[in-house]
C-alpha atoms as a PDB file:
ATOM      1  CA  MET A   1      90.434  51.069 101.759  1.00  0.00           C
ATOM      2  CA  SER A   2      91.900  48.715 104.169  1.00  0.00           C
ATOM      3  CA  LEU A   3      91.615  45.004 104.142  1.00  0.00           C
ATOM      4  CA  LEU A   4      89.532  45.179 107.131  1.00  0.00           C
ATOM      5  CA  ASP A   5      87.045  47.410 105.416  1.00  0.00           C
ATOM      6  CA  HIS A   6      86.743  45.050 102.474  1.00  0.00           C
ATOM      7  CA  GLN A   7      85.975  42.129 104.586  1.00  0.00           C
ATOM      8  CA  LEU A   8      83.369  44.039 106.465  1.00  0.00           C
ATOM      9  CA  GLU A   9      81.158  44.882 103.310  1.00  0.00           C
ATOM     10  CA  PRO A  10      77.764  43.255 103.717  1.00  0.00           C
ATOM     11  CA  GLU A  11      76.876  40.304 101.414  1.00  0.00           C
ATOM     12  CA  GLU A  12      73.904  40.544  99.023  1.00  0.00           C
ATOM     13  CA  PRO A  13      70.847  38.777 100.490  1.00  0.00           C
ATOM     14  CA  ARG A  14      69.992  35.297  99.054  1.00  0.00           C
ATOM     15  CA  SER A  15      66.320  36.185  98.692  1.00  0.00           C
ATOM     16  CA  SER A  16      66.983  38.639  95.923  1.00  0.00           C
ATOM     17  CA  VAL A  17      68.889  36.009  93.977  1.00  0.00           C
ATOM     18  CA  ALA A  18      65.988  33.612  94.162  1.00  0.00           C
ATOM     19  CA  VAL A  19      63.650  36.280  92.900  1.00  0.00           C
ATOM     20  CA  ARG A  20      65.843  36.832  89.913  1.00  0.00           C
ATOM     21  CA  PHE A  21      65.906  33.161  89.026  1.00  0.00           C
ATOM     22  CA  THR A  22      62.134  32.992  89.395  1.00  0.00           C
ATOM     23  CA  LEU A  23      61.594  35.903  87.030  1.00  0.00           C
ATOM     24  CA  VAL A  24      63.923  34.402  84.454  1.00  0.00           C
ATOM     25  CA  GLY A  25      62.058  31.084  84.643  1.00  0.00           C
ATOM     26  CA  LEU A  26      58.681  32.740  84.236  1.00  0.00           C
ATOM     27  CA  PHE A  27      59.975  34.662  81.251  1.00  0.00           C
ATOM     28  CA  LEU A  28      61.198  31.488  79.605  1.00  0.00           C
ATOM     29  CA  ILE A  29      57.900  29.710  80.267  1.00  0.00           C
ATOM     30  CA  GLY A  30      55.977  32.644  78.780  1.00  0.00           C
ATOM     31  CA  CYS A  31      58.116  32.590  75.682  1.00  0.00           C
ATOM     32  CA  GLY A  32      57.547  28.849  75.298  1.00  0.00           C
ATOM     33  CA  VAL A  33      53.784  29.207  75.642  1.00  0.00           C
ATOM     34  CA  ALA A  34      53.702  32.048  73.141  1.00  0.00           C
ATOM     35  CA  THR A  35      55.759  30.030  70.714  1.00  0.00           C
ATOM     36  CA  TYR A  36      53.405  27.052  71.103  1.00  0.00           C
ATOM     37  CA  PHE A  37      50.319  29.120  70.366  1.00  0.00           C
ATOM     38  CA  LEU A  38      51.903  30.783  67.377  1.00  0.00           C
ATOM     39  CA  MET A  39      52.989  27.505  65.810  1.00  0.00           C
ATOM     40  CA  SER A  40      49.865  25.356  66.600  1.00  0.00           C
ATOM     41  CA  PRO A  41      46.831  25.287  64.142  1.00  0.00           C
ATOM     42  CA  ALA A  42      43.869  27.433  64.949  1.00  0.00           C
ATOM     43  CA  GLU A  43      41.644  24.361  65.335  1.00  0.00           C
ATOM     44  CA  GLU A  44      43.820  23.001  68.142  1.00  0.00           C
ATOM     45  CA  ARG A  45      43.595  26.342  69.988  1.00  0.00           C
ATOM     46  CA  ALA A  46      39.780  26.294  69.930  1.00  0.00           C
ATOM     47  CA  PRO A  47      38.256  25.731  73.339  1.00  0.00           C
ATOM     48  CA  THR A  48      37.205  22.169  73.941  1.00  0.00           C
ATOM     49  CA  GLY A  49      34.618  22.950  76.519  1.00  0.00           C
ATOM     50  CA  ILE A  50      31.049  21.741  75.711  1.00  0.00           C
ATOM     51  CA  ALA A  51      28.281  24.245  76.382  1.00  0.00           C
ATOM     52  CA  THR A  52      25.528  22.685  78.397  1.00  0.00           C
ATOM     53  CA  ALA A  53      21.955  23.862  78.015  1.00  0.00           C
ATOM     54  CA  PRO A  54      20.244  25.179  81.103  1.00  0.00           C
ATOM     55  CA  PRO A  55      17.980  22.682  82.778  1.00  0.00           C
ATOM     56  CA  PRO A  56      14.399  22.827  81.505  1.00  0.00           C
ATOM     57  CA  ARG A  57      11.880  24.616  83.556  1.00  0.00           C
ATOM     58  CA  THR A  58       9.518  22.384  85.422  1.00  0.00           C
ATOM     59  CA  THR A  59       5.934  23.520  85.637  1.00  0.00           C
ATOM     60  CA  ALA A  60       3.229  21.991  87.672  1.00  0.00           C
ATOM     61  CA  ARG A  61       1.053  19.739  85.507  1.00  0.00           C
ATOM     62  CA  GLY A  62      -1.992  17.652  86.264  1.00  0.00           C
ATOM     63  CA  PRO A  63      -2.043  13.904  86.189  1.00  0.00           C
ATOM     64  CA  GLU A  64      -0.947  12.552  82.833  1.00  0.00           C
ATOM     65  CA  PRO A  65      -3.530  10.437  80.868  1.00  0.00           C
ATOM     66  CA  ASP A  66      -3.004   6.764  80.568  1.00  0.00           C
ATOM     67  CA  ALA A  67      -0.638   6.037  77.751  1.00  0.00           C
ATOM     68  CA  GLU A  68      -2.301   4.494  74.702  1.00  0.00           C
ATOM     69  CA  PRO A  69      -1.054   1.063  73.860  1.00  0.00           C
ATOM     70  CA  ALA A  70       1.532   1.177  71.152  1.00  0.00           C
ATOM     71  CA  PRO A  71       0.143  -0.048  67.802  1.00  0.00           C
ATOM     72  CA  GLU A  72       1.322  -3.416  66.739  1.00  0.00           C
ATOM     73  CA  PRO A  73       3.982  -3.192  64.104  1.00  0.00           C
ATOM     74  CA  THR A  74       2.618  -3.918  60.664  1.00  0.00           C
ATOM     75  CA  THR A  75       4.605  -5.242  57.819  1.00  0.00           C
ATOM     76  CA  PRO A  76       4.373  -2.779  54.936  1.00  0.00           C
ATOM     77  CA  GLU A  77       3.025  -4.213  51.743  1.00  0.00           C
ATOM     78  CA  THR A  78       5.768  -4.527  49.269  1.00  0.00           C
ATOM     79  CA  GLU A  79       4.986  -3.531  45.728  1.00  0.00           C
ATOM     80  CA  PRO A  80       6.008  -6.041  43.110  1.00  0.00           C
ATOM     81  CA  ASP A  81       9.345  -5.334  41.634  1.00  0.00           C
ATOM     82  CA  LEU A  82       8.444  -4.516  38.088  1.00  0.00           C
ATOM     83  CA  ALA A  83      12.043  -4.599  37.074  1.00  0.00           C
ATOM     84  CA  THR A  84      12.448  -8.201  38.120  1.00  0.00           C
ATOM     85  CA  GLU A  85       9.164  -9.554  36.763  1.00  0.00           C
ATOM     86  CA  PRO A  86       9.640 -11.380  33.472  1.00  0.00           C
ATOM     87  CA  ASN A  87       8.055  -9.766  30.456  1.00  0.00           C
ATOM     88  CA  PRO A  88       5.052 -11.687  29.168  1.00  0.00           C
ATOM     89  CA  GLU A  89       5.819 -13.629  26.036  1.00  0.00           C
ATOM     90  CA  PRO A  90       3.994 -12.188  23.004  1.00  0.00           C
ATOM     91  CA  GLU A  91       1.368 -14.386  21.472  1.00  0.00           C
ATOM     92  CA  PRO A  92       2.374 -15.793  18.108  1.00  0.00           C
ATOM     93  CA  ALA A  93       1.126 -13.679  15.252  1.00  0.00           C
ATOM     94  CA  VAL A  94      -1.680 -15.236  13.308  1.00  0.00           C
ATOM     95  CA  ALA A  95      -1.018 -15.205   9.591  1.00  0.00           C
ATOM     96  CA  VAL A  96      -3.836 -13.369   7.848  1.00  0.00           C
ATOM     97  CA  GLU A  97      -4.453 -14.536   4.345  1.00  0.00           C
ATOM     98  CA  PRO A  98      -5.095 -11.719   1.888  1.00  0.00           C
ATOM     99  CA  THR A  99      -8.734 -11.378   1.094  1.00  0.00           C
ATOM    100  CA  VAL A 100      -9.708 -11.672  -2.520  1.00  0.00           C
ATOM    101  CA  PRO A 101     -12.995 -10.241  -3.706  1.00  0.00           C
ATOM    102  CA  GLU A 102     -15.497 -12.937  -4.482  1.00  0.00           C
ATOM    103  CA  SER A 103     -15.716 -11.697  -8.021  1.00  0.00           C
ATOM    104  CA  ARG A 104     -11.977 -12.382  -8.424  1.00  0.00           C
ATOM    105  CA  LEU A 105     -11.876 -15.929  -7.090  1.00  0.00           C
ATOM    106  CA  ASP A 106     -12.798 -17.310 -10.514  1.00  0.00           C
ATOM    107  CA  PRO A 107     -11.601 -15.963 -13.863  1.00  0.00           C
ATOM    108  CA  LEU A 108     -13.695 -13.075 -15.062  1.00  0.00           C
ATOM    109  CA  LEU A 109     -13.148 -13.950 -18.708  1.00  0.00           C
ATOM    110  CA  ARG A 110     -12.874 -17.312 -20.425  1.00  0.00           C
ATOM    111  CA  VAL A 111     -12.337 -17.739 -24.155  1.00  0.00           C
ATOM    112  CA  ALA A 112     -12.594 -21.121 -25.837  1.00  0.00           C
ATOM    113  CA  ALA A 113     -12.370 -22.018 -29.509  1.00  0.00           C
ATOM    114  CA  ASP A 114     -12.750 -25.089 -31.666  1.00  0.00           C
ATOM    115  CA  VAL A 115      -9.275 -24.293 -33.028  1.00  0.00           C
ATOM    116  CA  THR A 116      -6.569 -24.809 -30.403  1.00  0.00           C
ATOM    117  CA  GLY A 117      -4.067 -21.958 -30.066  1.00  0.00           C
ATOM    118  CA  ALA A 118      -6.243 -19.199 -31.490  1.00  0.00           C
ATOM    119  CA  TYR A 119      -4.900 -15.747 -30.655  1.00  0.00           C
ATOM    120  CA  VAL A 120      -6.816 -13.670 -28.096  1.00  0.00           C
ATOM    121  CA  PHE A 121      -6.674  -9.857 -28.081  1.00  0.00           C
ATOM    122  CA  ILE A 122      -8.252  -7.448 -25.599  1.00  0.00           C
ATOM    123  CA  ASP A 123      -8.381  -3.845 -26.756  1.00  0.00           C
ATOM    124  CA  ARG A 124      -5.876  -4.735 -29.508  1.00  0.00           C
ATOM    125  CA  GLN A 125      -3.393  -6.103 -26.967  1.00  0.00           C
ATOM    126  CA  PHE A 126      -2.331  -9.748 -27.286  1.00  0.00           C
ATOM    127  CA  VAL A 127      -3.115 -11.540 -24.005  1.00  0.00           C
ATOM    128  CA  GLY A 128      -2.786 -15.257 -24.818  1.00  0.00           C
ATOM    129  CA  THR A 129      -4.082 -18.195 -26.807  1.00  0.00           C
ATOM    130  CA  THR A 130      -7.086 -20.456 -26.456  1.00  0.00           C
ATOM    131  CA  PRO A 131      -8.086 -21.970 -24.165  1.00  0.00           C
ATOM    132  CA  PHE A 132      -7.730 -18.659 -22.316  1.00  0.00           C
ATOM    133  CA  ALA A 133      -8.844 -17.597 -18.820  1.00  0.00           C
ATOM    134  CA  THR A 134      -7.972 -14.509 -16.789  1.00  0.00           C
ATOM    135  CA  SER A 135      -9.138 -12.475 -13.822  1.00  0.00           C
ATOM    136  CA  ASP A 136      -6.599  -9.727 -14.523  1.00  0.00           C
ATOM    137  CA  VAL A 137      -8.843  -7.549 -16.608  1.00  0.00           C
ATOM    138  CA  ARG A 138     -10.174  -4.122 -15.805  1.00  0.00           C
ATOM    139  CA  LEU A 139     -13.884  -3.842 -15.140  1.00  0.00           C
ATOM    140  CA  GLY A 140     -15.830  -2.092 -17.853  1.00  0.00           C
ATOM    141  CA  PRO A 141     -16.236  -2.281 -21.622  1.00  0.00           C
ATOM    142  CA  HIS A 142     -13.611  -3.922 -23.830  1.00  0.00           C
ATOM    143  CA  ARG A 143     -13.151  -5.081 -27.413  1.00  0.00           C
ATOM    144  CA  LEU A 144     -12.382  -8.795 -27.749  1.00  0.00           C
ATOM    145  CA  ASN A 145     -10.783 -10.240 -30.875  1.00  0.00           C
ATOM    146  CA  VAL A 146      -9.957 -13.883 -31.555  1.00  0.00           C
ATOM    147  CA  SER A 147      -8.161 -14.996 -34.693  1.00  0.00           C
ATOM    148  CA  ALA A 148      -6.843 -18.210 -36.179  1.00  0.00           C
ATOM    149  CA  GLU A 149      -4.847 -18.635 -39.345  1.00  0.00           C
ATOM    150  CA  GLY A 150      -7.005 -19.664 -42.274  1.00  0.00           C
ATOM    151  CA  TYR A 151     -10.277 -18.694 -40.577  1.00  0.00           C
ATOM    152  CA  GLU A 152     -12.419 -15.616 -40.367  1.00  0.00           C
ATOM    153  CA  GLY A 153     -11.615 -13.540 -37.332  1.00  0.00           C
ATOM    154  CA  PHE A 154     -13.992 -13.140 -34.407  1.00  0.00           C
ATOM    155  CA  ALA A 155     -14.748  -9.763 -32.790  1.00  0.00           C
ATOM    156  CA  GLN A 156     -17.150  -8.849 -30.009  1.00  0.00           C
ATOM    157  CA  ASN A 157     -17.685  -6.034 -27.527  1.00  0.00           C
ATOM    158  CA  ILE A 158     -17.749  -7.261 -23.927  1.00  0.00           C
ATOM    159  CA  ASP A 159     -18.546  -5.540 -20.616  1.00  0.00           C
ATOM    160  CA  VAL A 160     -16.575  -7.057 -17.734  1.00  0.00           C
ATOM    161  CA  GLY A 161     -18.358  -6.959 -14.376  1.00  0.00           C
ATOM    162  CA  ASP A 162     -18.806  -9.164 -11.328  1.00  0.00           C
ATOM    163  CA  ASP A 163     -20.266 -12.041 -13.345  1.00  0.00           C
ATOM    164  CA  PRO A 164     -17.860 -14.177 -15.394  1.00  0.00           C
ATOM    165  CA  ILE A 165     -17.976 -13.957 -19.184  1.00  0.00           C
ATOM    166  CA  VAL A 166     -17.570 -17.093 -21.286  1.00  0.00           C
ATOM    167  CA  ILE A 167     -16.942 -16.788 -25.026  1.00  0.00           C
ATOM    168  CA  ASP A 168     -17.006 -19.872 -27.253  1.00  0.00           C
ATOM    169  CA  VAL A 169     -15.620 -19.149 -30.709  1.00  0.00           C
ATOM    170  CA  ARG A 170     -16.528 -21.553 -33.512  1.00  0.00           C
ATOM    171  CA  PHE A 171     -14.071 -21.096 -36.324  1.00  0.00           C
ATOM    172  CA  LEU A 172     -15.087 -24.348 -37.996  1.00  0.00           C
ATOM    173  CA  GLU A 173     -18.696 -23.230 -37.989  1.00  0.00           C
ATOM    174  CA  ILE A 174     -19.557 -21.026 -40.927  1.00  0.00           C
ATOM    175  CA  ARG A 175     -21.061 -17.798 -39.704  1.00  0.00           C
ATOM    176  CA  LEU A 176     -22.437 -14.992 -41.783  1.00  0.00           C
ATOM    177  CA  ASN A 177     -24.449 -12.053 -40.570  1.00  0.00           C
ATOM    178  CA  ALA A 178     -23.697  -9.013 -42.699  1.00  0.00           C
ATOM    179  CA  SER A 179     -25.836  -6.047 -43.654  1.00  0.00           C
ATOM    180  CA  VAL A 180     -25.482  -2.674 -45.339  1.00  0.00           C
ATOM    181  CA  LEU A 181     -27.820   0.209 -46.160  1.00  0.00           C
ATOM    182  CA  VAL A 182     -28.056   0.552 -49.923  1.00  0.00           C
ATOM    183  CA  THR A 183     -29.839   2.282 -52.747  1.00  0.00           C
ATOM    184  CA  HIS A 184     -31.145   0.003 -55.497  1.00  0.00           C
ATOM    185  CA  LYS A 185     -30.734   1.644 -58.875  1.00  0.00           C
ATOM    186  CA  HIS A 186     -33.619   0.845 -61.198  1.00  0.00           C
ATOM    187  CA  ARG A 187     -33.800   1.338 -64.896  1.00  0.00           C
ATOM    188  CA  PHE A 188     -36.218   4.123 -64.052  1.00  0.00           C
ATOM    189  CA  GLY A 189     -35.516   5.610 -60.595  1.00  0.00           C
ATOM    190  CA  SER A 190     -34.244   3.972 -57.374  1.00  0.00           C
ATOM    191  CA  CYS A 191     -35.354   2.715 -53.955  1.00  0.00           C
ATOM    192  CA  VAL A 192     -33.716   2.551 -50.537  1.00  0.00           C
ATOM    193  CA  GLY A 193     -33.428  -0.636 -48.506  1.00  0.00           C
ATOM    194  CA  THR A 194     -31.133  -2.987 -46.560  1.00  0.00           C
ATOM    195  CA  LEU A 195     -29.016  -5.676 -48.135  1.00  0.00           C
ATOM    196  CA  ARG A 196     -28.496  -8.639 -45.758  1.00  0.00           C
ATOM    197  CA  ALA A 197     -26.528 -11.861 -46.043  1.00  0.00           C
ATOM    198  CA  ASP A 198     -26.526 -15.057 -43.958  1.00  0.00           C
ATOM    199  CA  THR A 199     -25.647 -18.690 -44.610  1.00  0.00           C
ATOM    200  CA  ASN A 200     -28.908 -19.063 -46.509  1.00  0.00           C
ATOM    201  CA  GLY A 201     -28.095 -16.404 -49.123  1.00  0.00           C
ATOM    202  CA  ILE A 202     -28.543 -12.694 -49.871  1.00  0.00           C
ATOM    203  CA  HIS A 203     -31.729 -10.811 -49.073  1.00  0.00           C
ATOM    204  CA  TYR A 204     -32.847  -7.356 -50.108  1.00  0.00           C
ATOM    205  CA  GLU A 205     -35.370  -5.768 -47.746  1.00  0.00           C
ATOM    206  CA  THR A 206     -37.302  -2.726 -48.958  1.00  0.00           C
ATOM    207  CA  ASN A 207     -40.786  -1.308 -49.101  1.00  0.00           C
ATOM    208  CA  ASP A 208     -40.590  -1.378 -52.868  1.00  0.00           C
ATOM    209  CA  ASP A 209     -41.600  -4.285 -55.069  1.00  0.00           C
ATOM    210  CA  ASP A 210     -37.925  -5.053 -55.818  1.00  0.00           C
ATOM    211  CA  ALA A 211     -37.369  -6.990 -52.575  1.00  0.00           C
ATOM    212  CA  PHE A 212     -35.845 -10.427 -53.135  1.00  0.00           C
ATOM    213  CA  SER A 213     -34.158 -13.373 -51.404  1.00  0.00           C
ATOM    214  CA  LEU A 214     -31.616 -15.476 -53.304  1.00  0.00           C
ATOM    215  CA  PRO A 215     -29.800 -18.615 -52.076  1.00  0.00           C
ATOM    216  CA  PHE A 216     -26.117 -18.776 -52.929  1.00  0.00           C
ATOM    217  CA  SER A 217     -26.808 -21.534 -55.398  1.00  0.00           C
ATOM    218  CA  GLN A 218     -28.963 -19.090 -57.399  1.00  0.00           C
ATOM    219  CA  ILE A 219     -26.378 -16.314 -57.527  1.00  0.00           C
ATOM    220  CA  GLU A 220     -24.392 -16.215 -60.735  1.00  0.00           C
ATOM    221  CA  ARG A 221     -22.353 -13.099 -60.040  1.00  0.00           C
ATOM    222  CA  HIS A 222     -21.535 -11.176 -56.886  1.00  0.00           C
ATOM    223  CA  GLU A 223     -19.089  -8.355 -57.701  1.00  0.00           C
ATOM    224  CA  ILE A 224     -17.852  -5.049 -56.287  1.00  0.00           C
ATOM    225  CA  ASP A 225     -16.630  -2.067 -58.295  1.00  0.00           C
ATOM    226  CA  TYR A 226     -14.975   0.098 -55.724  1.00  0.00           C
ATOM    227  CA  LEU A 227     -14.253   3.033 -58.031  1.00  0.00           C
ATOM    228  CA  GLU A 228     -17.791   3.019 -59.435  1.00  0.00           C
ATOM    229  CA  HIS A 229     -19.170   2.640 -55.918  1.00  0.00           C
ATOM    230  CA  THR A 230     -21.345  -0.232 -57.081  1.00  0.00           C
ATOM    231  CA  LEU A 231     -22.169  -3.754 -55.808  1.00  0.00           C
ATOM    232  CA  THR A 232     -23.710  -6.101 -58.376  1.00  0.00           C
ATOM    233  CA  VAL A 233     -25.777  -9.220 -57.671  1.00  0.00           C
ATOM    234  CA  LYS A 234     -26.889 -11.251 -60.729  1.00  0.00           C
ATOM    235  CA  GLN A 235     -29.425 -13.976 -60.410  1.00  0.00           C
ATOM    236  CA  LEU A 236     -28.676 -17.210 -62.239  1.00  0.00           C
ATOM    237  CA  GLU A 237     -30.562 -16.879 -65.532  1.00  0.00           C
ATOM    238  CA  GLY A 238     -32.378 -13.922 -64.054  1.00  0.00           C
ATOM    239  CA  ARG A 239     -32.204 -10.243 -63.180  1.00  0.00           C
ATOM    240  CA  THR A 240     -29.183  -8.139 -62.333  1.00  0.00           C
ATOM    241  CA  TYR A 241     -29.317  -5.866 -59.285  1.00  0.00           C
ATOM    242  CA  ASN A 242     -26.982  -2.890 -58.893  1.00  0.00           C
ATOM    243  CA  PHE A 243     -26.590  -1.289 -55.449  1.00  0.00           C
ATOM    244  CA  THR A 244     -24.834   1.817 -54.176  1.00  0.00           C
ATOM    245  CA  ASP A 245     -24.946   3.841 -50.940  1.00  0.00           C
ATOM    246  CA  GLU A 246     -24.752   7.452 -49.826  1.00  0.00           C
ATOM    247  CA  GLN A 247     -21.320   7.145 -48.202  1.00  0.00           C
ATOM    248  CA  ASP A 248     -18.251   9.031 -49.380  1.00  0.00           C
ATOM    249  CA  THR A 249     -16.442   5.764 -50.071  1.00  0.00           C
ATOM    250  CA  ALA A 250     -17.446   2.224 -50.997  1.00  0.00           C
ATOM    251  CA  ASP A 251     -15.935   0.761 -47.802  1.00  0.00           C
ATOM    252  CA  ALA A 252     -19.256  -0.519 -46.432  1.00  0.00           C
ATOM    253  CA  LEU A 253     -20.116  -2.220 -49.725  1.00  0.00           C
ATOM    254  CA  PHE A 254     -16.609  -3.690 -49.917  1.00  0.00           C
ATOM    255  CA  THR A 255     -16.847  -5.168 -46.394  1.00  0.00           C
ATOM    256  CA  PHE A 256     -20.230  -6.707 -47.159  1.00  0.00           C
ATOM    257  CA  HIS A 257     -18.930  -8.247 -50.372  1.00  0.00           C
ATOM    258  CA  ARG A 258     -15.850  -9.721 -48.692  1.00  0.00           C
ATOM    259  CA  SER A 259     -17.851 -11.337 -45.863  1.00  0.00           C
ATOM    260  CA  VAL A 260     -20.232 -12.964 -48.336  1.00  0.00           C
ATOM    261  CA  GLU A 261     -17.432 -14.315 -50.521  1.00  0.00           C
ATOM    262  CA  GLN A 262     -15.550 -15.818 -47.568  1.00  0.00           C
ATOM    263  CA  ALA A 263     -18.674 -17.632 -46.425  1.00  0.00           C
ATOM    264  CA  ARG A 264     -19.491 -18.864 -49.937  1.00  0.00           C
ATOM    265  CA  GLU A 265     -15.960 -20.259 -50.306  1.00  0.00           C
ATOM    266  CA  ARG A 266     -16.184 -22.180 -47.060  1.00  0.00           C
ATOM    267  CA  LEU A 267     -19.616 -23.512 -47.905  1.00  0.00           C
ATOM    268  CA  LYS A 268     -18.261 -24.878 -51.180  1.00  0.00           C
ATOM    269  CA  ASN A 269     -15.521 -26.769 -49.336  1.00  0.00           C
ATOM    270  CA  GLN A 270     -17.848 -28.474 -46.882  1.00  0.00           C
END
């Protein structure tokens, strides 16, 4: 090819070059947009458009009624705050005195004696000395014993109830009230009766003619033979009376004899 031919080759139009640059630019923009969407969070890609509701339908209506006046605002009643109210102060407790039965206000049992410091026993249990008073005793029957050294003991059955019991023991006073059922042995036969003794003497009570009453001053002998089961009373310068009983032992005769002798001894010392 000649130089002339080379110079005569037509030049490429400028419009095609511009198209190429345009396509390259669009390609780069598309890549950038795609990269943006791939790297952005899904929340940012959400559409931000707000959907608007269609306008409400309007229908032909009649004249509207007059509007009622709005009620006046009322202040709601507030309930008292129970949590903030102070608790009522409790009333002071009234001391209640223990009630005591009327029968226990005073001692139920009083024991006095003309010997100070005599020993008092209830049902064989020592409870104190005279003068003695107590309300701490069970209601019902009891055995009361009072003793003083050198004097005959005192014994009595008592029944404790609502009414107080007062016992006045007279040790210095000579007391004698003894009795025993006996059989009087005669020279010929026998008779049954009761032998009694008091401060006036010994008395034999029977339906037989052998009944008698002797003061202590007229008694010469008053003896007990326990083994022979015999009690003997001999009148001064008079008859002799021998008594026995139907018991297995002579205990009853022995007790009678002892009571009489104790009283006779005290009467002598008056």
